[in-house]
Amino acid sequence: AITKPSNSHELKTLSFSDPYKLMTALEAYVNEQASNNTYDFTANKALLKLYQCYPDLLSTEVATKVLCLSMMRLPSTDYLVLSYLVSGQALATEPSLVTLHNASDLLETGKFNAFWSLRGDNNAIFDATNFDHAIREYIVKNVSSTFKNIEVDVLCGMLGMRSGDLSSFQANSSCKFNISGDVVVFSSGDQQVGKTSQFEGMLRIDEVMRLMDVLPKA
């Protein structure tokens, strides 16, 4: 049986019989992250690096989940960094990856209503626990950095929800805002979080290759 890594440290010290088993374990780990609302940038980057080394073994489904998980971390640069590790051909031709790329563009350019139209019922593509909530948090932080207040109906359109659901979202959100009649008033302290990079501490391609080199033979 394959034992999937439970964290980044275990990934680096893992000893499987060959890189294919390592790839299988990392793919299982991605599925676990998507189901359990967890995230491991280093492990996911390592998997995409393995796909670069073995392009015929690329799992579009798993790569889609990796990018979906990274999109939930906006405004960090995780999605941008990881998308560069996926082949240009796959990004341009695989329907799920094309959809994710278009969705990312809409979010980055503030076309939030259009994003939710694209999001639609594509649960197989945006397949990660709490995906919608994470994106809504990003949108609220983005909007609050520009506006002091906004109409409820306008904000709900940006959040892809009905006006009656805003209070429920507010109760479970880390964003600070008040609903005053038909207007949402943002707290002054709820500003957009600056973009952070995950370049430091990432597993480099030479580290992946070295890890594979020391794996014992079956």
N, C-alpha and C. Protein backbone atom coordinates (compact mmCIF):
# COMPACT_ATOMS: atom_id res chain seq x y z
N ALA A 1 0.83 -1.20 0.00
CA ALA A 1 0.00 0.00 0.00
C ALA A 1 0.86 1.24 0.00
N ILE A 2 0.36 2.30 -0.65
CA ILE A 2 1.09 3.57 -0.71
C ILE A 2 0.69 4.42 0.47
N THR A 3 1.68 4.94 1.18
CA THR A 3 1.42 5.86 2.29
C THR A 3 1.69 7.27 1.83
N LYS A 4 0.68 8.10 1.81
CA LYS A 4 0.87 9.46 1.32
C LYS A 4 1.52 10.32 2.40
N PRO A 5 2.33 11.32 2.02
CA PRO A 5 2.98 12.18 3.00
C PRO A 5 1.94 13.03 3.71
N SER A 6 2.13 13.24 4.99
CA SER A 6 1.18 14.04 5.76
C SER A 6 1.59 15.49 5.87
N ASN A 7 2.85 15.81 5.54
CA ASN A 7 3.30 17.18 5.60
C ASN A 7 4.56 17.35 4.77
N SER A 8 5.05 18.59 4.68
CA SER A 8 6.20 18.88 3.82
C SER A 8 7.46 18.17 4.30
N HIS A 9 7.65 18.10 5.61
CA HIS A 9 8.85 17.44 6.13
C HIS A 9 8.87 15.97 5.74
N GLU A 10 7.72 15.33 5.85
CA GLU A 10 7.65 13.92 5.50
C GLU A 10 7.90 13.72 4.02
N LEU A 11 7.46 14.69 3.20
CA LEU A 11 7.70 14.61 1.76
C LEU A 11 9.19 14.54 1.48
N LYS A 12 9.97 15.40 2.13
CA LYS A 12 11.40 15.50 1.86
C LYS A 12 12.16 14.27 2.33
N THR A 13 11.63 13.54 3.30
CA THR A 13 12.34 12.40 3.85
C THR A 13 11.73 11.07 3.39
N LEU A 14 10.76 11.17 2.51
CA LEU A 14 10.04 9.98 2.06
C LEU A 14 10.95 9.04 1.29
N SER A 15 10.79 7.74 1.47
CA SER A 15 11.57 6.76 0.73
C SER A 15 10.63 5.74 0.13
N PHE A 16 10.30 5.97 -1.14
CA PHE A 16 9.51 5.01 -1.89
C PHE A 16 10.41 4.28 -2.88
N SER A 17 9.94 3.20 -3.45
CA SER A 17 10.79 2.37 -4.29
C SER A 17 11.14 3.02 -5.63
N ASP A 18 10.29 3.94 -6.12
CA ASP A 18 10.58 4.62 -7.39
C ASP A 18 9.76 5.90 -7.48
N PRO A 19 10.12 6.79 -8.42
CA PRO A 19 9.42 8.07 -8.54
C PRO A 19 7.95 7.94 -8.90
N TYR A 20 7.58 6.84 -9.54
CA TYR A 20 6.18 6.65 -9.90
C TYR A 20 5.33 6.45 -8.65
N LYS A 21 5.87 5.72 -7.69
CA LYS A 21 5.15 5.56 -6.43
C LYS A 21 5.10 6.88 -5.67
N LEU A 22 6.18 7.64 -5.75
CA LEU A 22 6.19 8.96 -5.11
C LEU A 22 5.12 9.85 -5.73
N MET A 23 5.01 9.79 -7.06
CA MET A 23 4.00 10.57 -7.75
C MET A 23 2.60 10.16 -7.31
N THR A 24 2.38 8.87 -7.20
CA THR A 24 1.07 8.36 -6.77
C THR A 24 0.74 8.85 -5.36
N ALA A 25 1.75 8.85 -4.49
CA ALA A 25 1.53 9.31 -3.12
C ALA A 25 1.20 10.80 -3.09
N LEU A 26 1.91 11.57 -3.89
CA LEU A 26 1.65 13.01 -3.92
C LEU A 26 0.27 13.32 -4.50
N GLU A 27 -0.14 12.55 -5.49
CA GLU A 27 -1.48 12.73 -6.06
C GLU A 27 -2.55 12.43 -5.01
N ALA A 28 -2.33 11.38 -4.22
CA ALA A 28 -3.27 11.07 -3.14
C ALA A 28 -3.30 12.19 -2.12
N TYR A 29 -2.15 12.78 -1.88
CA TYR A 29 -2.05 13.89 -0.93
C TYR A 29 -2.82 15.10 -1.42
N VAL A 30 -2.77 15.38 -2.73
CA VAL A 30 -3.55 16.48 -3.30
C VAL A 30 -5.04 16.24 -3.08
N ASN A 31 -5.49 15.02 -3.35
CA ASN A 31 -6.91 14.71 -3.15
C ASN A 31 -7.31 14.89 -1.69
N GLU A 32 -6.40 14.53 -0.78
CA GLU A 32 -6.67 14.71 0.64
C GLU A 32 -6.81 16.20 0.99
N GLN A 33 -5.93 17.02 0.42
CA GLN A 33 -6.00 18.46 0.67
C GLN A 33 -7.33 19.03 0.19
N ALA A 34 -7.74 18.62 -1.00
CA ALA A 34 -8.98 19.13 -1.57
C ALA A 34 -10.19 18.73 -0.73
N SER A 35 -10.12 17.56 -0.12
CA SER A 35 -11.25 17.07 0.68
C SER A 35 -11.27 17.67 2.08
N ASN A 36 -10.07 17.91 2.64
CA ASN A 36 -9.97 18.30 4.05
C ASN A 36 -9.69 19.79 4.25
N ASN A 37 -9.70 20.57 3.18
CA ASN A 37 -9.45 22.00 3.29
C ASN A 37 -8.09 22.29 3.93
N THR A 38 -7.08 21.55 3.47
CA THR A 38 -5.71 21.80 3.88
C THR A 38 -4.91 22.19 2.64
N TYR A 39 -3.64 22.55 2.84
CA TYR A 39 -2.86 23.05 1.70
C TYR A 39 -1.38 22.89 1.98
N ASP A 40 -0.67 22.34 0.99
CA ASP A 40 0.78 22.16 1.10
C ASP A 40 1.41 22.59 -0.22
N PHE A 41 1.85 23.83 -0.26
CA PHE A 41 2.43 24.38 -1.49
C PHE A 41 3.64 23.57 -1.94
N THR A 42 4.53 23.23 -1.01
CA THR A 42 5.78 22.55 -1.36
C THR A 42 5.51 21.18 -1.98
N ALA A 43 4.61 20.41 -1.37
CA ALA A 43 4.29 19.09 -1.91
C ALA A 43 3.65 19.20 -3.29
N ASN A 44 2.75 20.16 -3.46
CA ASN A 44 2.07 20.32 -4.74
C ASN A 44 3.04 20.77 -5.84
N LYS A 45 3.97 21.62 -5.46
CA LYS A 45 4.98 22.05 -6.43
C LYS A 45 5.86 20.87 -6.84
N ALA A 46 6.20 20.02 -5.86
CA ALA A 46 7.01 18.84 -6.16
C ALA A 46 6.30 17.93 -7.15
N LEU A 47 4.99 17.78 -7.00
CA LEU A 47 4.23 16.94 -7.92
C LEU A 47 4.26 17.51 -9.33
N LEU A 48 4.06 18.81 -9.46
CA LEU A 48 4.08 19.42 -10.79
C LEU A 48 5.47 19.32 -11.42
N LYS A 49 6.51 19.37 -10.59
CA LYS A 49 7.87 19.18 -11.09
C LYS A 49 8.05 17.75 -11.62
N LEU A 50 7.47 16.78 -10.93
CA LEU A 50 7.52 15.40 -11.40
C LEU A 50 6.78 15.26 -12.73
N TYR A 51 5.66 15.94 -12.87
CA TYR A 51 4.94 15.91 -14.15
C TYR A 51 5.80 16.48 -15.27
N GLN A 52 6.62 17.47 -14.95
CA GLN A 52 7.51 18.03 -15.96
C GLN A 52 8.52 16.97 -16.41
N CYS A 53 8.99 16.16 -15.46
CA CYS A 53 9.96 15.12 -15.79
C CYS A 53 9.33 13.94 -16.52
N TYR A 54 8.05 13.70 -16.23
CA TYR A 54 7.32 12.57 -16.83
C TYR A 54 6.00 13.08 -17.41
N PRO A 55 6.06 13.86 -18.49
CA PRO A 55 4.84 14.49 -19.03
C PRO A 55 3.75 13.52 -19.44
N ASP A 56 4.13 12.30 -19.81
CA ASP A 56 3.13 11.31 -20.22
C ASP A 56 2.27 10.85 -19.04
N LEU A 57 2.74 11.11 -17.83
CA LEU A 57 2.02 10.67 -16.64
C LEU A 57 1.19 11.79 -16.02
N LEU A 58 1.12 12.92 -16.71
CA LEU A 58 0.34 14.04 -16.19
C LEU A 58 -1.12 13.65 -15.98
N SER A 59 -1.61 13.89 -14.78
CA SER A 59 -3.04 13.72 -14.49
C SER A 59 -3.68 15.10 -14.53
N THR A 60 -4.45 15.34 -15.56
CA THR A 60 -5.11 16.64 -15.68
C THR A 60 -6.02 16.90 -14.50
N GLU A 61 -6.69 15.86 -14.03
CA GLU A 61 -7.61 16.00 -12.90
C GLU A 61 -6.87 16.48 -11.66
N VAL A 62 -5.71 15.88 -11.37
CA VAL A 62 -4.95 16.25 -10.18
C VAL A 62 -4.32 17.63 -10.35
N ALA A 63 -3.78 17.90 -11.54
CA ALA A 63 -3.20 19.22 -11.79
C ALA A 63 -4.25 20.31 -11.62
N THR A 64 -5.48 20.02 -12.05
CA THR A 64 -6.58 20.97 -11.88
C THR A 64 -6.83 21.23 -10.40
N LYS A 65 -6.79 20.18 -9.59
CA LYS A 65 -7.00 20.36 -8.15
C LYS A 65 -5.88 21.17 -7.52
N VAL A 66 -4.65 20.94 -7.96
CA VAL A 66 -3.52 21.70 -7.44
C VAL A 66 -3.72 23.20 -7.71
N LEU A 67 -4.11 23.54 -8.92
CA LEU A 67 -4.30 24.94 -9.26
C LEU A 67 -5.53 25.51 -8.56
N CYS A 68 -6.54 24.70 -8.40
CA CYS A 68 -7.74 25.13 -7.68
C CYS A 68 -7.40 25.47 -6.24
N LEU A 69 -6.62 24.61 -5.60
CA LEU A 69 -6.19 24.86 -4.22
C LEU A 69 -5.37 26.13 -4.11
N SER A 70 -4.51 26.36 -5.10
CA SER A 70 -3.67 27.57 -5.06
C SER A 70 -4.49 28.83 -5.32
N MET A 71 -5.54 28.71 -6.13
CA MET A 71 -6.40 29.86 -6.38
C MET A 71 -7.10 30.32 -5.10
N MET A 72 -7.36 29.38 -4.22
CA MET A 72 -8.01 29.70 -2.96
C MET A 72 -7.11 30.56 -2.07
N ARG A 73 -5.84 30.67 -2.42
CA ARG A 73 -4.89 31.45 -1.60
C ARG A 73 -4.66 32.86 -2.15
N LEU A 74 -5.43 33.27 -3.14
CA LEU A 74 -5.35 34.65 -3.61
C LEU A 74 -5.52 35.59 -2.42
N PRO A 75 -4.79 36.71 -2.37
CA PRO A 75 -3.97 37.29 -3.44
C PRO A 75 -2.52 36.84 -3.45
N SER A 76 -2.17 35.71 -2.83
CA SER A 76 -0.79 35.23 -2.91
C SER A 76 -0.49 34.86 -4.36
N THR A 77 0.78 34.69 -4.67
CA THR A 77 1.20 34.37 -6.04
C THR A 77 1.25 32.87 -6.30
N ASP A 78 0.71 32.08 -5.41
CA ASP A 78 0.79 30.62 -5.55
C ASP A 78 0.26 30.12 -6.89
N TYR A 79 -0.91 30.61 -7.27
CA TYR A 79 -1.50 30.14 -8.53
C TYR A 79 -0.58 30.46 -9.71
N LEU A 80 -0.07 31.67 -9.72
CA LEU A 80 0.81 32.09 -10.82
C LEU A 80 2.05 31.21 -10.88
N VAL A 81 2.68 30.99 -9.73
CA VAL A 81 3.89 30.18 -9.68
C VAL A 81 3.62 28.76 -10.15
N LEU A 82 2.57 28.15 -9.65
CA LEU A 82 2.29 26.76 -9.98
C LEU A 82 1.80 26.59 -11.42
N SER A 83 1.07 27.57 -11.93
CA SER A 83 0.58 27.45 -13.31
C SER A 83 1.74 27.45 -14.31
N TYR A 84 2.85 28.10 -13.95
CA TYR A 84 4.02 28.10 -14.83
C TYR A 84 4.67 26.72 -14.92
N LEU A 85 4.35 25.84 -13.99
CA LEU A 85 4.93 24.51 -14.00
C LEU A 85 4.12 23.51 -14.82
N VAL A 86 2.94 23.94 -15.25
CA VAL A 86 2.09 23.09 -16.09
C VAL A 86 2.40 23.42 -17.55
N SER A 87 2.49 22.41 -18.38
CA SER A 87 2.86 22.64 -19.77
C SER A 87 1.89 23.59 -20.46
N GLY A 88 2.45 24.43 -21.33
CA GLY A 88 1.63 25.39 -22.06
C GLY A 88 0.56 24.72 -22.89
N GLN A 89 0.90 23.55 -23.45
CA GLN A 89 -0.08 22.84 -24.27
C GLN A 89 -1.28 22.40 -23.44
N ALA A 90 -1.00 21.89 -22.24
CA ALA A 90 -2.10 21.45 -21.37
C ALA A 90 -2.95 22.63 -20.94
N LEU A 91 -2.32 23.76 -20.61
CA LEU A 91 -3.06 24.95 -20.19
C LEU A 91 -3.94 25.49 -21.32
N ALA A 92 -3.52 25.25 -22.55
CA ALA A 92 -4.25 25.80 -23.70
C ALA A 92 -5.30 24.85 -24.26
N THR A 93 -5.18 23.56 -23.92
CA THR A 93 -6.08 22.58 -24.58
C THR A 93 -6.96 21.79 -23.62
N GLU A 94 -6.53 21.59 -22.40
CA GLU A 94 -7.33 20.81 -21.46
C GLU A 94 -8.46 21.68 -20.91
N PRO A 95 -9.72 21.30 -21.13
CA PRO A 95 -10.86 22.15 -20.76
C PRO A 95 -10.84 22.63 -19.31
N SER A 96 -10.52 21.76 -18.37
CA SER A 96 -10.55 22.17 -16.96
C SER A 96 -9.47 23.20 -16.66
N LEU A 97 -8.30 23.03 -17.26
CA LEU A 97 -7.20 23.99 -17.04
C LEU A 97 -7.48 25.31 -17.73
N VAL A 98 -8.11 25.25 -18.89
CA VAL A 98 -8.50 26.48 -19.60
C VAL A 98 -9.51 27.26 -18.76
N THR A 99 -10.47 26.54 -18.19
CA THR A 99 -11.49 27.18 -17.36
C THR A 99 -10.86 27.84 -16.14
N LEU A 100 -9.92 27.15 -15.49
CA LEU A 100 -9.24 27.72 -14.33
C LEU A 100 -8.43 28.95 -14.71
N HIS A 101 -7.76 28.89 -15.84
CA HIS A 101 -6.98 30.05 -16.29
C HIS A 101 -7.89 31.25 -16.52
N ASN A 102 -9.02 31.03 -17.17
CA ASN A 102 -9.97 32.12 -17.41
C ASN A 102 -10.54 32.65 -16.10
N ALA A 103 -10.81 31.74 -15.17
CA ALA A 103 -11.34 32.14 -13.87
C ALA A 103 -10.33 33.01 -13.12
N SER A 104 -9.06 32.62 -13.18
CA SER A 104 -8.01 33.40 -12.52
C SER A 104 -7.92 34.79 -13.10
N ASP A 105 -8.00 34.89 -14.42
CA ASP A 105 -7.95 36.20 -15.08
C ASP A 105 -9.10 37.09 -14.62
N LEU A 106 -10.29 36.51 -14.51
CA LEU A 106 -11.46 37.29 -14.09
C LEU A 106 -11.30 37.80 -12.65
N LEU A 107 -10.76 36.96 -11.79
CA LEU A 107 -10.56 37.38 -10.40
C LEU A 107 -9.49 38.45 -10.30
N GLU A 108 -8.40 38.27 -11.00
CA GLU A 108 -7.29 39.21 -10.93
C GLU A 108 -7.65 40.57 -11.51
N THR A 109 -8.61 40.59 -12.43
CA THR A 109 -9.02 41.85 -13.06
C THR A 109 -10.29 42.42 -12.45
N GLY A 110 -10.76 41.81 -11.36
CA GLY A 110 -11.91 42.35 -10.65
C GLY A 110 -13.24 42.13 -11.33
N LYS A 111 -13.32 41.18 -12.26
CA LYS A 111 -14.59 40.89 -12.94
C LYS A 111 -15.29 39.76 -12.19
N PHE A 112 -15.73 40.10 -10.98
CA PHE A 112 -16.22 39.08 -10.06
C PHE A 112 -17.55 38.47 -10.50
N ASN A 113 -18.47 39.29 -11.00
CA ASN A 113 -19.75 38.75 -11.46
C ASN A 113 -19.54 37.75 -12.59
N ALA A 114 -18.64 38.09 -13.50
CA ALA A 114 -18.33 37.19 -14.62
C ALA A 114 -17.68 35.90 -14.12
N PHE A 115 -16.89 36.02 -13.05
CA PHE A 115 -16.27 34.82 -12.48
C PHE A 115 -17.33 33.82 -12.04
N TRP A 116 -18.36 34.32 -11.33
CA TRP A 116 -19.38 33.40 -10.82
C TRP A 116 -20.21 32.81 -11.95
N SER A 117 -20.36 33.55 -13.04
CA SER A 117 -21.04 32.99 -14.21
C SER A 117 -20.23 31.83 -14.78
N LEU A 118 -18.89 32.01 -14.79
CA LEU A 118 -18.02 30.94 -15.27
C LEU A 118 -17.99 29.78 -14.28
N ARG A 119 -17.96 30.14 -13.01
CA ARG A 119 -17.93 29.11 -11.95
C ARG A 119 -19.13 28.20 -12.08
N GLY A 120 -20.30 28.77 -12.19
CA GLY A 120 -21.52 28.00 -12.43
C GLY A 120 -21.60 26.73 -11.61
N ASP A 121 -21.91 25.66 -12.31
CA ASP A 121 -22.02 24.35 -11.67
C ASP A 121 -20.81 23.46 -11.96
N ASN A 122 -19.67 24.09 -12.24
CA ASN A 122 -18.47 23.32 -12.58
C ASN A 122 -17.81 22.75 -11.32
N ASN A 123 -18.54 21.94 -10.59
CA ASN A 123 -18.01 21.39 -9.34
C ASN A 123 -16.85 20.44 -9.57
N ALA A 124 -16.82 19.81 -10.73
CA ALA A 124 -15.73 18.88 -11.02
C ALA A 124 -14.41 19.62 -11.23
N ILE A 125 -14.49 20.89 -11.63
CA ILE A 125 -13.29 21.69 -11.86
C ILE A 125 -12.88 22.41 -10.58
N PHE A 126 -13.84 23.07 -9.94
CA PHE A 126 -13.56 23.80 -8.70
C PHE A 126 -13.84 22.87 -7.52
N ASP A 127 -13.09 21.76 -7.53
CA ASP A 127 -13.37 20.65 -6.61
C ASP A 127 -12.47 20.71 -5.39
N ALA A 128 -12.78 21.61 -4.49
CA ALA A 128 -12.02 21.71 -3.24
C ALA A 128 -12.96 22.24 -2.15
N THR A 129 -12.89 21.63 -0.99
CA THR A 129 -13.75 22.04 0.12
C THR A 129 -13.53 23.51 0.46
N ASN A 130 -14.63 24.23 0.60
CA ASN A 130 -14.62 25.66 0.96
C ASN A 130 -14.04 26.56 -0.13
N PHE A 131 -14.03 26.07 -1.38
CA PHE A 131 -13.51 26.89 -2.47
C PHE A 131 -14.27 28.21 -2.58
N ASP A 132 -15.59 28.14 -2.65
CA ASP A 132 -16.39 29.35 -2.84
C ASP A 132 -16.18 30.33 -1.69
N HIS A 133 -16.11 29.82 -0.48
CA HIS A 133 -15.92 30.70 0.68
C HIS A 133 -14.57 31.42 0.60
N ALA A 134 -13.52 30.69 0.23
CA ALA A 134 -12.20 31.30 0.13
C ALA A 134 -12.17 32.39 -0.93
N ILE A 135 -12.82 32.15 -2.05
CA ILE A 135 -12.86 33.16 -3.11
C ILE A 135 -13.66 34.38 -2.66
N ARG A 136 -14.75 34.16 -1.97
CA ARG A 136 -15.55 35.28 -1.46
C ARG A 136 -14.76 36.12 -0.46
N GLU A 137 -13.95 35.47 0.36
CA GLU A 137 -13.10 36.21 1.30
C GLU A 137 -12.14 37.11 0.52
N TYR A 138 -11.55 36.55 -0.52
CA TYR A 138 -10.63 37.34 -1.36
C TYR A 138 -11.35 38.53 -1.97
N ILE A 139 -12.55 38.31 -2.47
CA ILE A 139 -13.29 39.38 -3.13
C ILE A 139 -13.64 40.50 -2.13
N VAL A 140 -14.10 40.12 -0.94
CA VAL A 140 -14.45 41.13 0.06
C VAL A 140 -13.23 41.96 0.44
N LYS A 141 -12.10 41.32 0.65
CA LYS A 141 -10.89 42.05 1.00
C LYS A 141 -10.47 42.97 -0.14
N ASN A 142 -10.65 42.50 -1.36
CA ASN A 142 -10.32 43.31 -2.52
C ASN A 142 -11.23 44.54 -2.61
N VAL A 143 -12.54 44.30 -2.46
CA VAL A 143 -13.51 45.39 -2.56
C VAL A 143 -13.33 46.39 -1.41
N SER A 144 -13.06 45.87 -0.20
CA SER A 144 -12.94 46.75 0.97
C SER A 144 -11.71 47.64 0.91
N SER A 145 -10.73 47.25 0.09
CA SER A 145 -9.55 48.09 -0.06
C SER A 145 -9.82 49.28 -0.98
N THR A 146 -10.96 49.23 -1.68
CA THR A 146 -11.31 50.30 -2.63
C THR A 146 -12.49 51.13 -2.14
N PHE A 147 -13.46 50.48 -1.50
CA PHE A 147 -14.68 51.17 -1.09
C PHE A 147 -14.83 51.16 0.44
N LYS A 148 -15.39 52.23 0.97
CA LYS A 148 -15.74 52.26 2.39
C LYS A 148 -17.09 51.62 2.62
N ASN A 149 -17.97 51.73 1.64
CA ASN A 149 -19.28 51.08 1.73
C ASN A 149 -19.77 50.75 0.33
N ILE A 150 -20.73 49.84 0.27
CA ILE A 150 -21.24 49.39 -1.02
C ILE A 150 -22.65 48.85 -0.80
N GLU A 151 -23.49 48.93 -1.80
CA GLU A 151 -24.84 48.40 -1.68
C GLU A 151 -24.81 46.88 -1.54
N VAL A 152 -25.71 46.38 -0.72
CA VAL A 152 -25.78 44.94 -0.48
C VAL A 152 -25.96 44.16 -1.77
N ASP A 153 -26.87 44.60 -2.61
CA ASP A 153 -27.14 43.88 -3.86
C ASP A 153 -25.92 43.85 -4.76
N VAL A 154 -25.17 44.95 -4.78
CA VAL A 154 -23.98 45.01 -5.62
C VAL A 154 -22.91 44.06 -5.11
N LEU A 155 -22.68 44.08 -3.80
CA LEU A 155 -21.68 43.19 -3.22
C LEU A 155 -22.07 41.73 -3.40
N CYS A 156 -23.35 41.42 -3.18
CA CYS A 156 -23.80 40.04 -3.33
C CYS A 156 -23.64 39.55 -4.76
N GLY A 157 -23.82 40.45 -5.72
CA GLY A 157 -23.56 40.08 -7.11
C GLY A 157 -22.10 39.71 -7.30
N MET A 158 -21.21 40.49 -6.68
CA MET A 158 -19.78 40.20 -6.76
C MET A 158 -19.42 38.89 -6.07
N LEU A 159 -20.21 38.54 -5.05
CA LEU A 159 -19.94 37.33 -4.27
C LEU A 159 -20.68 36.11 -4.79
N GLY A 160 -21.48 36.31 -5.81
CA GLY A 160 -22.22 35.18 -6.38
C GLY A 160 -23.19 34.56 -5.41
N MET A 161 -23.88 35.40 -4.62
CA MET A 161 -24.83 34.88 -3.65
C MET A 161 -26.08 35.74 -3.60
N ARG A 162 -27.12 35.20 -3.00
CA ARG A 162 -28.34 35.97 -2.80
C ARG A 162 -28.16 36.91 -1.62
N SER A 163 -28.88 38.02 -1.65
CA SER A 163 -28.75 39.01 -0.58
C SER A 163 -29.05 38.42 0.78
N GLY A 164 -30.00 37.48 0.83
CA GLY A 164 -30.38 36.87 2.09
C GLY A 164 -29.30 35.98 2.70
N ASP A 165 -28.28 35.63 1.90
CA ASP A 165 -27.22 34.76 2.40
C ASP A 165 -26.02 35.53 2.93
N LEU A 166 -26.05 36.86 2.80
CA LEU A 166 -24.89 37.66 3.19
C LEU A 166 -24.62 37.58 4.70
N SER A 167 -25.67 37.60 5.50
CA SER A 167 -25.49 37.54 6.96
C SER A 167 -24.82 36.24 7.38
N SER A 168 -25.19 35.14 6.73
CA SER A 168 -24.58 33.85 7.05
C SER A 168 -23.09 33.86 6.68
N PHE A 169 -22.79 34.45 5.55
CA PHE A 169 -21.39 34.56 5.14
C PHE A 169 -20.61 35.42 6.13
N GLN A 170 -21.21 36.53 6.53
CA GLN A 170 -20.57 37.44 7.48
C GLN A 170 -20.22 36.72 8.79
N ALA A 171 -21.11 35.87 9.25
CA ALA A 171 -20.91 35.18 10.52
C ALA A 171 -19.73 34.20 10.47
N ASN A 172 -19.42 33.72 9.29
CA ASN A 172 -18.34 32.74 9.14
C ASN A 172 -17.12 33.30 8.43
N SER A 173 -17.08 34.62 8.28
CA SER A 173 -16.00 35.25 7.53
C SER A 173 -14.98 35.91 8.45
N SER A 174 -13.74 35.92 8.02
CA SER A 174 -12.69 36.63 8.75
C SER A 174 -12.70 38.12 8.39
N CYS A 175 -13.45 38.48 7.36
CA CYS A 175 -13.56 39.88 6.93
C CYS A 175 -14.49 40.64 7.88
N LYS A 176 -14.14 41.86 8.15
CA LYS A 176 -14.92 42.67 9.09
C LYS A 176 -15.75 43.69 8.31
N PHE A 177 -17.07 43.54 8.41
CA PHE A 177 -17.97 44.51 7.80
C PHE A 177 -19.31 44.46 8.51
N ASN A 178 -20.05 45.55 8.39
CA ASN A 178 -21.37 45.65 9.00
C ASN A 178 -22.43 45.82 7.92
N ILE A 179 -23.59 45.24 8.16
CA ILE A 179 -24.71 45.39 7.23
C ILE A 179 -25.68 46.37 7.86
N SER A 180 -25.84 47.52 7.22
CA SER A 180 -26.73 48.58 7.71
C SER A 180 -27.81 48.82 6.67
N GLY A 181 -28.94 48.14 6.84
CA GLY A 181 -30.01 48.26 5.85
C GLY A 181 -29.59 47.67 4.53
N ASP A 182 -29.57 48.50 3.50
CA ASP A 182 -29.20 48.04 2.16
C ASP A 182 -27.75 48.33 1.83
N VAL A 183 -26.97 48.68 2.85
CA VAL A 183 -25.58 49.07 2.61
C VAL A 183 -24.64 48.23 3.48
N VAL A 184 -23.53 47.85 2.90
CA VAL A 184 -22.46 47.17 3.63
C VAL A 184 -21.37 48.19 3.93
N VAL A 185 -21.00 48.30 5.19
CA VAL A 185 -19.96 49.24 5.62
C VAL A 185 -18.75 48.43 6.05
N PHE A 186 -17.61 48.69 5.42
CA PHE A 186 -16.40 47.95 5.72
C PHE A 186 -15.64 48.58 6.88
N SER A 187 -15.05 47.74 7.71
CA SER A 187 -14.22 48.23 8.80
C SER A 187 -12.91 48.75 8.23
N SER A 188 -12.38 49.79 8.83
CA SER A 188 -11.17 50.42 8.30
C SER A 188 -9.98 49.49 8.35
N GLY A 189 -10.00 48.54 9.28
CA GLY A 189 -8.85 47.64 9.41
C GLY A 189 -8.87 46.48 8.44
N ASP A 190 -9.96 46.30 7.70
CA ASP A 190 -10.08 45.16 6.79
C ASP A 190 -9.57 45.54 5.42
N GLN A 191 -8.29 45.65 5.29
CA GLN A 191 -7.68 46.03 4.03
C GLN A 191 -7.18 44.80 3.29
N GLN A 192 -7.00 44.97 2.01
CA GLN A 192 -6.53 43.85 1.21
C GLN A 192 -5.15 43.41 1.68
N VAL A 193 -4.98 42.12 1.79
CA VAL A 193 -3.70 41.57 2.19
C VAL A 193 -2.74 41.65 1.02
N GLY A 194 -1.52 42.11 1.28
CA GLY A 194 -0.53 42.22 0.21
C GLY A 194 -0.17 40.86 -0.34
N LYS A 195 0.21 40.81 -1.60
CA LYS A 195 0.57 39.56 -2.22
C LYS A 195 1.88 39.04 -1.63
N THR A 196 1.88 37.76 -1.33
CA THR A 196 3.08 37.15 -0.80
C THR A 196 3.55 36.08 -1.77
N SER A 197 4.82 35.84 -1.75
CA SER A 197 5.41 34.85 -2.63
C SER A 197 5.81 33.62 -1.86
N GLN A 198 5.71 32.48 -2.51
CA GLN A 198 6.09 31.23 -1.87
C GLN A 198 7.45 30.76 -2.37
N PHE A 199 8.25 31.65 -2.99
CA PHE A 199 9.51 31.20 -3.55
C PHE A 199 10.45 30.66 -2.48
N GLU A 200 10.52 31.30 -1.32
CA GLU A 200 11.40 30.83 -0.27
C GLU A 200 10.82 29.57 0.35
N GLY A 201 11.68 28.59 0.54
CA GLY A 201 11.26 27.36 1.21
C GLY A 201 10.61 26.35 0.28
N MET A 202 10.55 26.63 -1.03
CA MET A 202 9.94 25.69 -1.95
C MET A 202 10.93 24.56 -2.25
N LEU A 203 10.41 23.43 -2.62
CA LEU A 203 11.23 22.31 -3.04
C LEU A 203 11.67 22.57 -4.47
N ARG A 204 12.97 22.69 -4.69
CA ARG A 204 13.49 22.99 -6.01
C ARG A 204 13.55 21.72 -6.84
N ILE A 205 13.69 21.89 -8.16
CA ILE A 205 13.73 20.73 -9.05
C ILE A 205 14.93 19.85 -8.72
N ASP A 206 16.08 20.45 -8.33
CA ASP A 206 17.24 19.63 -8.00
C ASP A 206 16.98 18.81 -6.74
N GLU A 207 16.18 19.36 -5.82
CA GLU A 207 15.84 18.61 -4.61
C GLU A 207 14.94 17.44 -4.95
N VAL A 208 14.00 17.66 -5.87
CA VAL A 208 13.11 16.57 -6.30
C VAL A 208 13.92 15.47 -6.96
N MET A 209 14.83 15.87 -7.87
CA MET A 209 15.63 14.89 -8.58
C MET A 209 16.54 14.13 -7.61
N ARG A 210 17.11 14.85 -6.63
CA ARG A 210 17.98 14.20 -5.65
C ARG A 210 17.17 13.21 -4.81
N LEU A 211 15.95 13.59 -4.48
CA LEU A 211 15.08 12.71 -3.72
C LEU A 211 14.80 11.44 -4.49
N MET A 212 14.53 11.59 -5.80
CA MET A 212 14.24 10.43 -6.61
C MET A 212 15.48 9.55 -6.77
N ASP A 213 16.67 10.17 -6.85
CA ASP A 213 17.90 9.42 -7.03
C ASP A 213 18.20 8.50 -5.85
N VAL A 214 17.83 8.92 -4.65
CA VAL A 214 18.17 8.14 -3.46
C VAL A 214 17.08 7.13 -3.10
N LEU A 215 15.98 7.14 -3.85
CA LEU A 215 14.93 6.17 -3.54
C LEU A 215 15.46 4.76 -3.79
N PRO A 216 15.25 3.84 -2.85
CA PRO A 216 15.76 2.48 -3.03
C PRO A 216 15.04 1.73 -4.15
N LYS A 217 15.73 0.83 -4.75
CA LYS A 217 15.13 0.00 -5.79
C LYS A 217 14.14 -0.97 -5.16
N ALA A 218 13.11 -1.31 -5.96
CA ALA A 218 12.11 -2.25 -5.43
C ALA A 218 12.71 -3.62 -5.21
